[in-house]
Protein backbone atom coordinates (compact mmCIF):
# COMPACT_ATOMS: atom_id res chain seq x y z
CA UNK A 1 -7.76 -24.82 -15.49
CA UNK A 2 -9.02 -27.99 -13.77
CA UNK A 3 -8.13 -30.59 -11.23
CA UNK A 4 -4.75 -31.36 -13.03
CA UNK A 5 -3.45 -27.88 -12.19
CA UNK A 6 -4.75 -28.16 -8.64
CA UNK A 7 -2.88 -31.51 -8.24
CA UNK A 8 0.33 -29.84 -9.49
CA UNK A 9 -0.10 -27.15 -6.84
CA UNK A 10 -0.44 -29.85 -4.12
CA UNK A 11 2.63 -31.71 -5.35
CA UNK A 12 4.65 -28.48 -5.33
CA UNK A 13 3.28 -27.66 -1.84
CA UNK A 14 4.43 -30.99 -0.51
CA UNK A 15 7.89 -30.33 -1.80
CA UNK A 16 8.05 -26.96 -0.16
CA UNK A 17 6.60 -28.21 3.09
CA UNK A 18 9.98 -29.78 3.78
CA UNK A 19 10.97 -26.26 4.91
CA UNK A 20 7.95 -24.83 6.84
CA UNK A 21 9.56 -21.43 7.08
CA UNK A 22 8.90 -20.95 3.41
CA UNK A 23 5.18 -20.72 4.05
CA UNK A 24 3.01 -18.71 6.49
CA UNK A 25 0.54 -21.56 6.70
CA UNK A 26 2.13 -24.98 6.69
CA UNK A 27 -0.98 -27.01 5.73
CA UNK A 28 -2.10 -24.99 2.72
CA UNK A 29 0.89 -22.92 1.65
CA UNK A 30 -1.37 -19.83 1.60
CA UNK A 31 -0.84 -16.51 3.30
CA UNK A 32 -2.40 -16.35 6.80
CA UNK A 33 -4.27 -13.54 8.57
CA UNK A 34 -1.30 -11.15 8.34
CA UNK A 35 -1.04 -11.63 4.58
CA UNK A 36 -4.87 -11.10 4.23
CA UNK A 37 -4.71 -7.89 6.28
CA UNK A 38 -1.87 -6.57 4.17
CA UNK A 39 -3.82 -7.31 0.97
CA UNK A 40 -6.90 -5.62 2.47
CA UNK A 41 -4.88 -2.45 2.95
CA UNK A 42 -4.54 -2.08 -0.81
CA UNK A 43 -7.94 -3.31 -1.99
CA UNK A 44 -10.40 -2.17 0.65
CA UNK A 45 -10.39 1.47 -0.54
CA UNK A 46 -11.23 0.09 -4.01
CA UNK A 47 -14.10 -2.15 -2.84
CA UNK A 48 -16.46 -2.23 -5.84
CA UNK A 49 -13.59 -2.53 -8.32
CA UNK A 50 -12.43 -5.47 -6.14
CA UNK A 51 -14.55 -7.98 -4.27
CA UNK A 52 -13.83 -10.01 -1.17
CA UNK A 53 -15.25 -13.47 -0.58
CA UNK A 54 -15.16 -15.49 2.62
CA UNK A 55 -15.13 -19.14 1.52
CA UNK A 56 -15.88 -22.05 3.88
CA UNK A 57 -15.79 -25.81 3.38
CA UNK A 58 -19.34 -26.73 4.36
CA UNK A 59 -20.44 -30.22 5.54
CA UNK A 60 -16.84 -31.27 6.38
CA UNK A 61 -17.74 -32.07 10.02
CA UNK A 62 -20.38 -34.65 9.07
CA UNK A 63 -17.86 -36.17 6.71
CA UNK A 64 -15.29 -36.54 9.51
CA UNK A 65 -17.89 -37.87 11.91
CA UNK A 66 -18.77 -40.70 9.44
CA UNK A 67 -15.45 -41.38 7.76
CA UNK A 68 -12.82 -40.22 10.27
CA UNK A 69 -10.05 -37.70 9.84
CA UNK A 70 -7.57 -39.65 7.72
CA UNK A 71 -8.21 -37.49 4.61
CA UNK A 72 -8.95 -34.25 6.50
CA UNK A 73 -5.65 -32.50 5.66
CA UNK A 74 -5.87 -33.70 2.08
CA UNK A 75 -9.35 -32.26 1.63
CA UNK A 76 -8.20 -28.88 2.97
CA UNK A 77 -5.26 -28.92 0.66
CA UNK A 78 -7.48 -29.57 -2.34
CA UNK A 79 -9.80 -26.70 -1.39
CA UNK A 80 -6.71 -24.38 -1.07
CA UNK A 81 -5.20 -25.61 -4.32
CA UNK A 82 -8.43 -25.07 -6.31
CA UNK A 83 -8.91 -21.55 -4.90
CA UNK A 84 -5.24 -20.64 -5.32
CA UNK A 85 -4.95 -21.85 -8.94
CA UNK A 86 -8.20 -20.22 -9.98
CA UNK A 87 -7.40 -16.87 -8.25
CA UNK A 88 -3.98 -16.87 -9.93
CA UNK A 89 -5.77 -16.71 -13.36
CA UNK A 90 -7.10 -13.24 -12.48
CA UNK A 91 -4.74 -10.27 -12.38
CA UNK A 92 -4.41 -9.21 -8.75
CA UNK A 93 -6.18 -12.38 -7.56
CA UNK A 94 -5.39 -13.48 -4.00
CA UNK A 95 -6.38 -16.17 -1.55
CA UNK A 96 -5.42 -16.60 2.08
CA UNK A 97 -6.47 -18.79 4.98
CA UNK A 98 -8.22 -17.56 8.15
CA UNK A 99 -8.99 -20.91 9.75
CA UNK A 100 -8.81 -24.63 9.20
CA UNK A 101 -11.80 -24.59 6.83
CA UNK A 102 -12.06 -20.92 5.98
CA UNK A 103 -10.42 -18.87 3.18
CA UNK A 104 -10.53 -15.28 1.97
CA UNK A 105 -10.57 -14.79 -1.83
CA UNK A 106 -9.96 -11.36 -3.35
CA UNK A 107 -10.27 -10.68 -7.05
CA UNK A 108 -11.58 -8.03 -9.39
CA UNK A 109 -15.35 -7.67 -8.74
CA UNK A 110 -16.06 -8.51 -12.41
CA UNK A 111 -14.30 -11.85 -12.07
CA UNK A 112 -15.28 -13.09 -8.58
CA UNK A 113 -18.57 -14.83 -9.52
CA UNK A 114 -16.82 -16.84 -12.25
CA UNK A 115 -13.96 -17.85 -9.97
CA UNK A 116 -16.38 -18.86 -7.17
CA UNK A 117 -18.64 -20.84 -9.49
CA UNK A 118 -15.77 -22.80 -11.05
CA UNK A 119 -14.08 -23.29 -7.69
CA UNK A 120 -17.28 -24.81 -6.13
CA UNK A 121 -17.80 -26.99 -9.20
CA UNK A 122 -14.27 -28.37 -9.00
CA UNK A 123 -14.34 -28.77 -5.25
CA UNK A 124 -17.69 -30.64 -5.28
CA UNK A 125 -16.34 -32.94 -8.01
CA UNK A 126 -13.17 -33.74 -6.08
CA UNK A 127 -15.06 -34.00 -2.71
CA UNK A 128 -17.34 -36.72 -4.10
CA UNK A 129 -14.34 -38.98 -4.44
CA UNK A 130 -14.01 -39.16 -0.66
CA UNK A 131 -17.44 -40.70 -0.19
CA UNK A 132 -18.60 -44.30 -0.51
CA UNK A 133 -20.53 -45.51 -3.58
CA UNK A 134 -23.52 -46.04 -1.36
CA UNK A 135 -23.47 -42.42 -0.11
CA UNK A 136 -22.98 -41.04 -3.62
CA UNK A 137 -25.96 -43.07 -4.90
CA UNK A 138 -28.14 -42.08 -1.89
CA UNK A 139 -27.15 -38.42 -2.35
CA UNK A 140 -26.43 -37.61 1.26
CA UNK A 141 -24.05 -38.53 4.15
CA UNK A 142 -26.13 -38.54 7.27
CA UNK A 143 -29.83 -38.36 8.10
CA UNK A 144 -31.70 -37.67 11.36
CA UNK A 145 -34.94 -36.26 12.71
CA UNK A 146 -35.07 -32.76 14.06
CA UNK A 147 -36.75 -31.90 17.36
CA UNK A 148 -39.86 -31.17 15.26
CA UNK A 149 -39.77 -34.65 13.84
CA UNK A 150 -38.66 -33.40 10.40
CA UNK A 151 -36.29 -35.62 8.39
CA UNK A 152 -32.92 -33.88 7.88
CA UNK A 153 -30.44 -35.07 5.32
CA UNK A 154 -26.86 -33.80 5.37
CA UNK A 155 -25.29 -33.55 2.00
CA UNK A 156 -21.74 -33.56 0.59
CA UNK A 157 -18.93 -31.13 1.08
CA UNK A 158 -19.10 -27.91 -0.90
CA UNK A 159 -18.08 -24.24 -0.65
CA UNK A 160 -20.37 -21.77 1.05
CA UNK A 161 -19.48 -18.13 0.48
CA UNK A 162 -20.21 -14.59 1.72
CA UNK A 163 -19.23 -11.86 -0.73
CA UNK A 164 -18.61 -8.13 -0.33
CA UNK A 165 -18.44 -6.37 -3.72
CA UNK A 166 -19.46 -2.83 -2.74
CA UNK A 167 -18.82 -0.45 0.18
CA UNK A 168 -21.42 -0.85 2.92
CA UNK A 169 -20.13 1.56 5.58
CA UNK A 170 -18.07 -0.94 7.55
CA UNK A 171 -14.58 -0.52 8.84
CA UNK A 172 -11.76 -2.50 7.14
CA UNK A 173 -11.01 -4.48 10.32
CA UNK A 174 -14.68 -5.51 10.62
CA UNK A 175 -15.09 -6.87 7.06
CA UNK A 176 -13.65 -10.36 7.63
CA UNK A 177 -15.59 -11.02 10.90
CA UNK A 178 -18.81 -9.77 9.20
CA UNK A 179 -18.27 -12.06 6.22
CA UNK A 180 -17.51 -14.98 8.55
CA UNK A 181 -20.81 -14.36 10.42
CA UNK A 182 -22.70 -14.25 7.12
CA UNK A 183 -21.02 -17.41 5.97
CA UNK A 184 -22.18 -19.17 9.17
CA UNK A 185 -25.71 -17.82 8.59
CA UNK A 186 -25.66 -19.11 4.97
CA UNK A 187 -24.46 -22.55 6.09
CA UNK A 188 -27.16 -22.78 8.77
CA UNK A 189 -29.93 -21.75 6.34
CA UNK A 190 -28.74 -24.04 3.51
CA UNK A 191 -27.72 -21.23 1.14
CA UNK A 192 -24.56 -21.49 -1.01
CA UNK A 193 -23.96 -17.76 -1.28
CA UNK A 194 -24.89 -14.58 0.58
CA UNK A 195 -23.92 -11.00 -0.18
CA UNK A 196 -22.82 -8.40 2.33
CA UNK A 197 -25.26 -5.48 2.16
CA UNK A 198 -26.49 -2.97 4.67
CA UNK A 199 -29.43 -5.25 5.34
CA UNK A 200 -27.44 -8.47 5.77
CA UNK A 201 -24.92 -6.67 7.94
CA UNK A 202 -27.62 -6.72 10.65
CA UNK A 203 -27.73 -10.55 10.72
């Protein structure tokens, strides 16, 4: 699987978008919160055999600030297409959308790391095509000085993820908000991935 399959998904999505009632989420063609909650009903009791990942498009706001929003919808669709086509390769794989830049991916626990690694690699590759040659050569989009006078460089779009792959004594309805908080924490601290554990649950 590669960008070719993701492109086919987007082409098919555009055809089906002519009738928005065919899809819960018009922009991505993915199940929305209700679809995610329904999927959680079946997999949450089997957490450990299955894993849940909260996936966010990081650094998209600096991109929009510099380049504008002309390609915003297109970028989101590529993210959705990559996650959808990769999750479909795993039996029982699922991806839904919980916000403009946020997705929930559910697969067998044994497969989730491979799916996330490949998804991030493909998304980074595609995302680079939206930047200027100058930015690509420089290796970042924006730079500024923090209040402490430290130079801060904002990089390119990528996926940041929070993963739950074992029970941690949390209610089913709390799992997505907890993963969302962890994803925000990972994004703020510059990490690409964080795991939901009893320790990180306190963050």
